[in-house]
Structures are given as structure tokens and as C-alpha cells.
C-alpha atoms as a PDB file:
ATOM      1  CA  MET A   1       0.048   0.129  -0.023  1.00  0.00           C
ATOM      2  CA  ASN A   2       1.361   3.057  -0.984  1.00  0.00           C
ATOM      3  CA  THR A   3       0.896   5.722   2.034  1.00  0.00           C
ATOM      4  CA  ASN A   4       2.775   9.089  -0.117  1.00  0.00           C
ATOM      5  CA  ARG A   5      -0.105  11.618  -0.539  1.00  0.00           C
ATOM      6  CA  ILE A   6       0.270  15.001  -2.238  1.00  0.00           C
ATOM      7  CA  ASN A   7       0.031  18.044   0.410  1.00  0.00           C
ATOM      8  CA  ARG A   8      -2.863  19.777  -1.226  1.00  0.00           C
ATOM      9  CA  ILE A   9      -1.500  23.132   0.783  1.00  0.00           C
ATOM     10  CA  ILE A  10       2.438  23.602  -0.414  1.00  0.00           C
ATOM     11  CA  ALA A  11       1.793  20.651  -3.250  1.00  0.00           C
ATOM     12  CA  MET A  12       4.503  18.355  -2.594  1.00  0.00           C
ATOM     13  CA  GLU A  13       4.837  14.605  -2.327  1.00  0.00           C
ATOM     14  CA  GLN A  14       5.488  13.340   1.211  1.00  0.00           C
ATOM     15  CA  ASN A  15       4.702  10.232   4.179  1.00  0.00           C
ATOM     16  CA  LEU A  16       5.013  12.213   7.687  1.00  0.00           C
ATOM     17  CA  ASP A  17       4.436  11.351  11.032  1.00  0.00           C
ATOM     18  CA  ILE A  18       3.322  13.420  13.514  1.00  0.00           C
ATOM     19  CA  ALA A  19       6.156  15.528  14.773  1.00  0.00           C
ATOM     20  CA  LYS A  20       6.213  17.559  17.846  1.00  0.00           C
ATOM     21  CA  GLN A  21       8.030  21.340  18.167  1.00  0.00           C
ATOM     22  CA  ALA A  22       8.594  23.473  21.207  1.00  0.00           C
ATOM     23  CA  VAL A  23       8.084  27.017  20.592  1.00  0.00           C
ATOM     24  CA  SER A  24       9.023  30.027  23.288  1.00  0.00           C
ATOM     25  CA  ASP A  25       6.311  32.209  21.425  1.00  0.00           C
ATOM     26  CA  PHE A  26       3.134  30.001  20.849  1.00  0.00           C
ATOM     27  CA  GLU A  27       1.065  32.409  20.186  1.00  0.00           C
ATOM     28  CA  LYS A  28       3.427  34.018  17.329  1.00  0.00           C
ATOM     29  CA  SER A  29       4.425  30.160  15.924  1.00  0.00           C
ATOM     30  CA  LEU A  30       1.045  29.343  15.902  1.00  0.00           C
ATOM     31  CA  LYS A  31       0.490  33.106  13.756  1.00  0.00           C
ATOM     32  CA  PHE A  32       3.578  32.252  11.969  1.00  0.00           C
ATOM     33  CA  TYR A  33       1.807  28.215  10.711  1.00  0.00           C
ATOM     34  CA  THR A  34      -1.543  29.706   9.709  1.00  0.00           C
ATOM     35  CA  GLU A  35      -1.733  33.418   8.639  1.00  0.00           C
ATOM     36  CA  GLY A  36       2.374  32.863   7.104  1.00  0.00           C
ATOM     37  CA  LEU A  37       2.039  29.360   5.873  1.00  0.00           C
ATOM     38  CA  GLY A  38      -1.648  28.941   5.307  1.00  0.00           C
ATOM     39  CA  PHE A  39      -2.026  25.465   7.505  1.00  0.00           C
ATOM     40  CA  GLU A  40      -4.908  24.735   9.303  1.00  0.00           C
ATOM     41  CA  VAL A  41      -5.614  24.397  12.891  1.00  0.00           C
ATOM     42  CA  PHE A  42      -6.564  21.356  13.670  1.00  0.00           C
ATOM     43  CA  ARG A  43      -7.296  21.035  17.377  1.00  0.00           C
ATOM     44  CA  THR A  44      -6.063  23.348  20.472  1.00  0.00           C
ATOM     45  CA  TRP A  45      -6.200  22.280  24.478  1.00  0.00           C
ATOM     46  CA  LYS A  46      -3.897  22.770  27.165  1.00  0.00           C
ATOM     47  CA  ASN A  47      -2.002  20.223  29.630  1.00  0.00           C
ATOM     48  CA  ALA A  48      -2.351  19.607  32.938  1.00  0.00           C
ATOM     49  CA  GLN A  49       0.180  22.729  33.575  1.00  0.00           C
ATOM     50  CA  GLY A  50      -1.560  24.723  31.370  1.00  0.00           C
ATOM     51  CA  SER A  51       0.398  24.584  28.740  1.00  0.00           C
ATOM     52  CA  SER A  52      -1.020  25.886  24.888  1.00  0.00           C
ATOM     53  CA  ILE A  53      -0.563  23.075  22.466  1.00  0.00           C
ATOM     54  CA  ALA A  54      -1.753  23.078  18.494  1.00  0.00           C
ATOM     55  CA  LEU A  55      -2.547  20.266  16.316  1.00  0.00           C
ATOM     56  CA  ILE A  56      -2.036  21.661  13.101  1.00  0.00           C
ATOM     57  CA  ASP A  57      -2.590  20.140   9.653  1.00  0.00           C
ATOM     58  CA  ILE A  58      -0.307  20.573   7.452  1.00  0.00           C
ATOM     59  CA  GLY A  59      -2.763  18.667   4.105  1.00  0.00           C
ATOM     60  CA  SER A  60      -3.687  15.514   3.359  1.00  0.00           C
ATOM     61  CA  GLY A  61      -4.318  14.638   6.653  1.00  0.00           C
ATOM     62  CA  GLU A  62      -0.677  14.821   7.948  1.00  0.00           C
ATOM     63  CA  TYR A  63       0.009  17.074  11.260  1.00  0.00           C
ATOM     64  CA  PHE A  64       2.383  17.896  13.444  1.00  0.00           C
ATOM     65  CA  GLU A  65       2.094  19.407  17.098  1.00  0.00           C
ATOM     66  CA  ILE A  66       3.436  22.670  18.562  1.00  0.00           C
ATOM     67  CA  PHE A  67       3.455  23.193  22.375  1.00  0.00           C
ATOM     68  CA  ALA A  68       4.698  26.212  24.618  1.00  0.00           C
ATOM     69  CA  ASP A  69       7.951  25.277  25.931  1.00  0.00           C
END
């Protein structure tokens, strides 16, 4: 089964797993990924310590997670 997909946002073929990225400025980073690169926020929440987390859809059902450092 071919799991490669065409990314509808950045127009490239890829096969990605979910990646995680700690960021020092959560709101600024979220704005960059959504407004700057055109990705969509799938879901946001806070962890048990109250830190913000966002799951970002980068296209073709592939995601990455950013969280406040």
C-alpha cells in the first residue's frame, strides 16, 4: 500500500508522521504557521500544567504539534 500523499497546501508528495515542536512564543508561532504558511489548526488544548498545545493540519491529513516551551 502506497502511503505517500500529495500535500494540498505546499504541493509536494510526502509521507510524514506526527512531529512535535516546542516553541517559546506559542501565539506568534501559531500565527506564523496559520497566517504565514496557510496551514489549518485542527485542535487546540492545554495540558495538565496549563501550557497551550495545537495540532496543525499541514495537508492530506498530516499533522504536527506545537506546544509552549
